[in-house]
Amino acid sequence: MNRRLQKLRQTVGMLLLAGATSAAAQSATEAAIAEYHEMFGDENPAELWEIRGADIWLQKRGPLKADLTGCDLGLGAGVIAGAYAQLPRWFEDTQRVQDLETRLVTCITTLQGFSEEEVLAVKFGDGAKKSDLEALSAYVAAASKGMAIALPMQHPAEQSAYALGKDMFYYRAGPHDFSCATCHGESDKRIRLQALPNLTVSAGAQHAYTHWPTYRISQGELRTIEWRLQDCLRQQRMPQLKFGSAVAIGLTMFLAKTAEGGVMAAPSIRR
């Protein structure tokens, strides 16, 4: 599988770097990515992150020498089946609306005794260093595969988070006066050879959101939705998105709510 992964990644990379704008080049790129998916079939490198996440979940770690089986992701201590499909949500113990990643940070710090600084020191993998949060996110997300997104949205703080996320989605700023909607506010748009989903409608949001976290072919890493959001803002030349901030949670809430009813397919495999 490793040789096949390397060969196909090189093929896709060459096509993506070609910079061609013709319809033929666009079709060739999409065909290469489709071929990659077809050749892998049910094999997804994200499974390696899932396995590592399951191992981390059960390990007794940290100053308190505890595992994460007591972690409450919204459906009760230790319940992961369907939990990701109902996040972000309000949590009484933290008095915050939290997404999967920030809730995992809460569980790791409270149950295992790690400091938040220790947990967030490697929040995203970079090839050399693997992120526990990404592995745990893959493990938990996989337990919601086949389940429909259904956010509670009853607590006033959840409604406020959604409203903030919607405002931020349309907020224009930065040197290019971009917003999220600049690229993702209309259907049938592209940037170079990349098709851009319309995240303002349920079909587009479902197509995108239900696949995160996802294994990125071009990076050889599994990426979470918080990583994707911060990378989008980076491309807009906006200030760096703070992990777990109100803006990060709000944007995630807006996307998840817009995608409501969509069936979770994460962790998936993407360009």
Protein backbone atom coordinates (compact mmCIF):
# COMPACT_ATOMS: atom_id res chain seq x y z
CA MET A 1 0.00 0.00 0.00
CA ASN A 2 2.92 2.36 0.71
CA ARG A 3 4.34 2.11 -2.84
CA ARG A 4 0.89 2.63 -4.31
CA LEU A 5 0.32 5.62 -2.02
CA GLN A 6 3.64 7.19 -3.02
CA LYS A 7 3.08 6.66 -6.74
CA LEU A 8 -0.43 8.05 -6.75
CA ARG A 9 0.48 10.97 -4.50
CA GLN A 10 3.24 11.90 -6.98
CA THR A 11 0.79 11.62 -9.87
CA VAL A 12 -1.82 13.82 -8.19
CA GLY A 13 0.85 16.28 -7.07
CA MET A 14 2.21 16.69 -10.60
CA LEU A 15 -1.26 17.35 -11.94
CA LEU A 16 -2.07 19.86 -9.21
CA LEU A 17 1.21 21.71 -9.71
CA ALA A 18 0.83 21.90 -13.47
CA GLY A 19 -1.21 25.08 -13.16
CA ALA A 20 -3.20 24.36 -16.32
CA THR A 21 -6.57 26.06 -16.57
CA SER A 22 -8.16 24.24 -19.47
CA ALA A 23 -11.18 22.00 -19.04
CA ALA A 24 -9.04 19.06 -20.18
CA ALA A 25 -6.52 19.64 -17.39
CA GLN A 26 -9.31 19.97 -14.83
CA SER A 27 -10.81 16.68 -15.99
CA ALA A 28 -7.41 14.98 -15.86
CA THR A 29 -6.84 16.13 -12.28
CA GLU A 30 -10.27 14.96 -11.13
CA ALA A 31 -9.76 11.65 -12.95
CA ALA A 32 -6.42 11.12 -11.18
CA ILE A 33 -7.97 11.77 -7.78
CA ALA A 34 -10.89 9.49 -8.60
CA GLU A 35 -8.42 6.78 -9.68
CA TYR A 36 -6.57 7.19 -6.40
CA HIS A 37 -9.78 6.65 -4.44
CA GLU A 38 -10.81 3.69 -6.59
CA MET A 39 -7.47 1.92 -6.24
CA PHE A 40 -7.55 2.26 -2.49
CA GLY A 41 -11.12 1.01 -2.28
CA ASP A 42 -11.97 0.50 1.36
CA GLU A 43 -8.35 1.05 2.41
CA ASN A 44 -7.87 4.50 3.88
CA PRO A 45 -4.62 5.64 5.53
CA ALA A 46 -6.83 7.43 8.10
CA GLU A 47 -7.36 4.01 9.63
CA LEU A 48 -3.82 4.24 11.01
CA TRP A 49 -4.83 7.37 12.91
CA GLU A 50 -8.00 5.64 14.13
CA ILE A 51 -5.98 2.72 15.48
CA ARG A 52 -3.55 5.02 17.23
CA GLY A 53 -6.45 7.06 18.61
CA ALA A 54 -8.10 3.95 20.03
CA ASP A 55 -4.82 3.02 21.71
CA ILE A 56 -4.40 6.52 23.19
CA TRP A 57 -8.03 6.45 24.42
CA LEU A 58 -7.32 3.34 26.47
CA GLN A 59 -3.81 4.22 27.69
CA LYS A 60 -3.34 5.20 31.32
CA ARG A 61 -1.31 8.36 30.89
CA GLY A 62 -0.37 11.64 32.49
CA PRO A 63 0.20 12.61 36.12
CA LEU A 64 -3.09 10.96 37.10
CA LYS A 65 -2.31 7.70 35.29
CA ALA A 66 -5.80 7.52 33.81
CA ASP A 67 -7.36 6.58 30.48
CA LEU A 68 -10.05 8.51 28.60
CA THR A 69 -12.90 6.05 29.00
CA GLY A 70 -14.56 8.50 31.39
CA CYS A 71 -14.55 11.31 28.81
CA ASP A 72 -18.02 12.78 28.31
CA LEU A 73 -18.42 14.01 24.73
CA GLY A 74 -22.04 14.95 25.28
CA LEU A 75 -23.76 11.58 25.39
CA GLY A 76 -22.40 10.34 28.71
CA ALA A 77 -19.06 9.22 30.09
CA GLY A 78 -17.22 6.99 27.64
CA VAL A 79 -19.93 7.09 24.95
CA ILE A 80 -18.41 7.85 21.57
CA ALA A 81 -20.97 6.31 19.19
CA GLY A 82 -22.79 9.22 17.57
CA ALA A 83 -21.09 11.86 19.73
CA TYR A 84 -19.25 13.59 16.88
CA ALA A 85 -22.47 13.94 14.88
CA GLN A 86 -23.88 16.09 17.71
CA LEU A 87 -20.95 18.45 18.15
CA PRO A 88 -20.32 21.33 18.78
CA ARG A 89 -22.59 21.61 21.80
CA TRP A 90 -22.92 23.22 25.23
CA PHE A 91 -21.20 21.55 28.19
CA GLU A 92 -22.26 22.38 31.72
CA ASP A 93 -18.96 21.49 33.36
CA THR A 94 -16.94 23.95 31.27
CA GLN A 95 -19.77 26.44 30.72
CA ARG A 96 -18.73 26.58 27.10
CA VAL A 97 -19.79 25.46 23.66
CA GLN A 98 -17.11 23.01 22.56
CA ASP A 99 -16.25 21.14 19.41
CA LEU A 100 -14.66 17.70 19.40
CA GLU A 101 -11.09 18.91 19.69
CA THR A 102 -11.61 21.35 22.53
CA ARG A 103 -13.69 18.79 24.38
CA LEU A 104 -10.89 16.26 24.03
CA VAL A 105 -8.50 18.82 25.51
CA THR A 106 -10.86 19.18 28.48
CA CYS A 107 -10.95 15.41 29.00
CA ILE A 108 -7.18 15.01 28.71
CA THR A 109 -6.47 17.80 31.20
CA THR A 110 -9.13 16.89 33.75
CA LEU A 111 -8.91 13.09 33.59
CA GLN A 112 -5.22 12.60 32.96
CA GLY A 113 -3.72 15.70 34.52
CA PHE A 114 -1.81 17.06 31.53
CA SER A 115 -1.63 20.84 31.24
CA GLU A 116 -3.37 22.52 28.31
CA GLU A 117 0.01 23.78 27.12
CA GLU A 118 1.31 20.21 26.95
CA VAL A 119 -1.73 19.02 25.01
CA LEU A 120 -1.64 21.87 22.50
CA ALA A 121 2.12 21.76 21.97
CA VAL A 122 1.46 19.39 19.05
CA LYS A 123 -2.15 20.00 18.10
CA PHE A 124 -1.55 19.31 14.41
CA GLY A 125 0.80 16.71 12.98
CA ASP A 126 3.69 17.80 10.78
CA GLY A 127 5.04 14.50 9.55
CA ALA A 128 7.86 14.33 12.09
CA LYS A 129 5.59 14.83 15.10
CA LYS A 130 2.23 13.11 15.33
CA SER A 131 -0.68 14.79 17.08
CA ASP A 132 -2.61 12.90 19.74
CA LEU A 133 -5.57 15.19 19.14
CA GLU A 134 -5.75 14.28 15.47
CA ALA A 135 -5.55 10.57 16.28
CA LEU A 136 -8.23 10.85 18.97
CA SER A 137 -10.41 12.90 16.63
CA ALA A 138 -10.16 10.18 13.97
CA TYR A 139 -11.09 7.50 16.50
CA VAL A 140 -14.11 9.38 17.86
CA ALA A 141 -15.30 10.59 14.44
CA ALA A 142 -15.23 7.04 13.08
CA ALA A 143 -17.77 6.05 15.74
CA SER A 144 -20.30 8.37 14.07
CA LYS A 145 -19.95 6.99 10.55
CA GLY A 146 -23.33 6.44 8.95
CA MET A 147 -25.10 8.67 11.50
CA ALA A 148 -26.86 11.91 10.63
CA ILE A 149 -25.65 15.26 11.92
CA ALA A 150 -28.09 16.49 14.58
CA LEU A 151 -26.96 19.39 16.73
CA PRO A 152 -28.88 20.15 19.95
CA MET A 153 -29.05 23.95 19.33
CA GLN A 154 -31.33 24.50 22.34
CA HIS A 155 -28.99 26.33 24.70
CA PRO A 156 -28.73 30.11 24.12
CA ALA A 157 -24.92 29.78 23.95
CA GLU A 158 -25.24 27.28 21.10
CA GLN A 159 -27.49 29.67 19.22
CA SER A 160 -25.05 32.53 19.86
CA ALA A 161 -22.14 30.43 18.62
CA TYR A 162 -24.04 29.69 15.40
CA ALA A 163 -24.86 33.38 14.92
CA LEU A 164 -21.21 34.35 15.44
CA GLY A 165 -20.07 31.67 13.01
CA LYS A 166 -22.51 32.86 10.36
CA ASP A 167 -21.34 36.45 10.80
CA MET A 168 -17.70 35.38 10.52
CA PHE A 169 -18.41 33.32 7.41
CA TYR A 170 -19.53 36.47 5.61
CA TYR A 171 -17.08 38.87 7.32
CA ARG A 172 -14.73 40.48 4.79
CA ALA A 173 -11.30 41.61 5.94
CA GLY A 174 -7.59 41.27 5.32
CA PRO A 175 -5.46 42.71 2.52
CA HIS A 176 -7.62 41.07 -0.16
CA ASP A 177 -10.98 41.87 1.48
CA PHE A 178 -11.86 38.17 1.49
CA SER A 179 -14.40 36.24 3.51
CA CYS A 180 -15.20 32.53 3.69
CA ALA A 181 -18.12 33.29 1.38
CA THR A 182 -15.76 34.71 -1.26
CA CYS A 183 -14.80 31.16 -2.19
CA HIS A 184 -17.65 29.17 -0.66
CA GLY A 185 -20.74 31.34 -1.11
CA GLU A 186 -21.78 30.24 -4.60
CA SER A 187 -22.12 26.99 -6.50
CA ASP A 188 -19.93 25.80 -9.39
CA LYS A 189 -16.86 27.87 -8.47
CA ARG A 190 -13.20 26.89 -8.76
CA ILE A 191 -9.85 28.18 -7.64
CA ARG A 192 -7.23 26.97 -10.09
CA LEU A 193 -8.15 23.29 -10.52
CA GLN A 194 -9.97 22.91 -7.23
CA ALA A 195 -13.77 22.71 -7.11
CA LEU A 196 -15.18 24.81 -4.27
CA PRO A 197 -18.27 23.59 -2.41
CA ASN A 198 -21.03 26.08 -1.68
CA LEU A 199 -21.10 25.96 2.12
CA THR A 200 -24.18 28.17 2.42
CA VAL A 201 -26.53 25.40 1.24
CA SER A 202 -27.13 22.05 2.89
CA ALA A 203 -25.95 19.92 -0.04
CA GLY A 204 -22.62 21.73 -0.28
CA ALA A 205 -22.06 21.82 3.46
CA GLN A 206 -22.94 18.14 3.79
CA HIS A 207 -20.56 17.21 0.99
CA ALA A 208 -17.72 19.02 2.76
CA TYR A 209 -18.32 18.82 6.51
CA THR A 210 -19.29 15.15 6.76
CA HIS A 211 -15.82 14.10 5.57
CA TRP A 212 -13.79 15.89 8.26
CA PRO A 213 -11.46 14.88 9.81
CA THR A 214 -9.90 13.60 6.62
CA TYR A 215 -6.65 12.14 5.33
CA ARG A 216 -5.00 14.67 2.99
CA ILE A 217 -3.28 12.96 0.07
CA SER A 218 -1.16 16.01 -0.68
CA GLN A 219 0.21 16.15 2.87
CA GLY A 220 0.27 12.55 3.98
CA GLU A 221 -1.46 13.61 7.21
CA LEU A 222 -4.87 13.39 8.79
CA ARG A 223 -6.40 16.83 9.31
CA THR A 224 -9.23 18.02 11.53
CA ILE A 225 -11.85 20.70 10.93
CA GLU A 226 -10.00 23.18 13.17
CA TRP A 227 -6.90 22.72 11.04
CA ARG A 228 -8.98 23.33 7.91
CA LEU A 229 -10.48 26.51 9.30
CA GLN A 230 -7.13 27.97 10.32
CA ASP A 231 -5.71 27.10 6.89
CA CYS A 232 -8.63 28.83 5.17
CA LEU A 233 -8.04 31.99 7.18
CA ARG A 234 -4.33 31.78 6.40
CA GLN A 235 -5.15 31.74 2.70
CA GLN A 236 -7.36 34.79 3.22
CA ARG A 237 -4.30 36.50 4.80
CA MET A 238 -6.28 36.88 8.01
CA PRO A 239 -4.75 36.74 11.51
CA GLN A 240 -3.99 33.20 12.67
CA LEU A 241 -7.07 31.49 14.05
CA LYS A 242 -6.63 30.66 17.72
CA PHE A 243 -7.28 27.03 18.50
CA GLY A 244 -10.59 26.60 20.35
CA SER A 245 -11.49 30.27 20.08
CA ALA A 246 -15.05 31.54 19.86
CA VAL A 247 -14.51 32.16 16.15
CA ALA A 248 -13.25 28.60 15.56
CA ILE A 249 -16.17 27.10 17.47
CA GLY A 250 -18.67 29.46 15.82
CA LEU A 251 -17.53 28.65 12.28
CA THR A 252 -17.63 24.94 13.06
CA MET A 253 -21.14 25.34 14.49
CA PHE A 254 -22.30 27.24 11.40
CA LEU A 255 -20.93 24.58 9.05
CA ALA A 256 -22.27 21.67 11.11
CA LYS A 257 -25.72 23.21 11.39
CA THR A 258 -25.85 23.96 7.67
CA ALA A 259 -24.83 20.35 7.03
CA GLU A 260 -27.48 19.01 9.42
CA GLY A 261 -29.06 15.79 8.22
CA GLY A 262 -25.95 14.82 6.30
CA VAL A 263 -24.55 11.38 7.03
CA MET A 264 -21.11 11.33 8.63
CA ALA A 265 -18.40 9.70 6.51
CA ALA A 266 -15.32 10.79 8.44
CA PRO A 267 -12.50 10.10 8.58
CA SER A 268 -12.40 10.14 4.80
CA ILE A 269 -9.70 10.66 2.19
CA ARG A 270 -9.31 13.88 0.25
CA ARG A 271 -6.89 15.67 -2.03
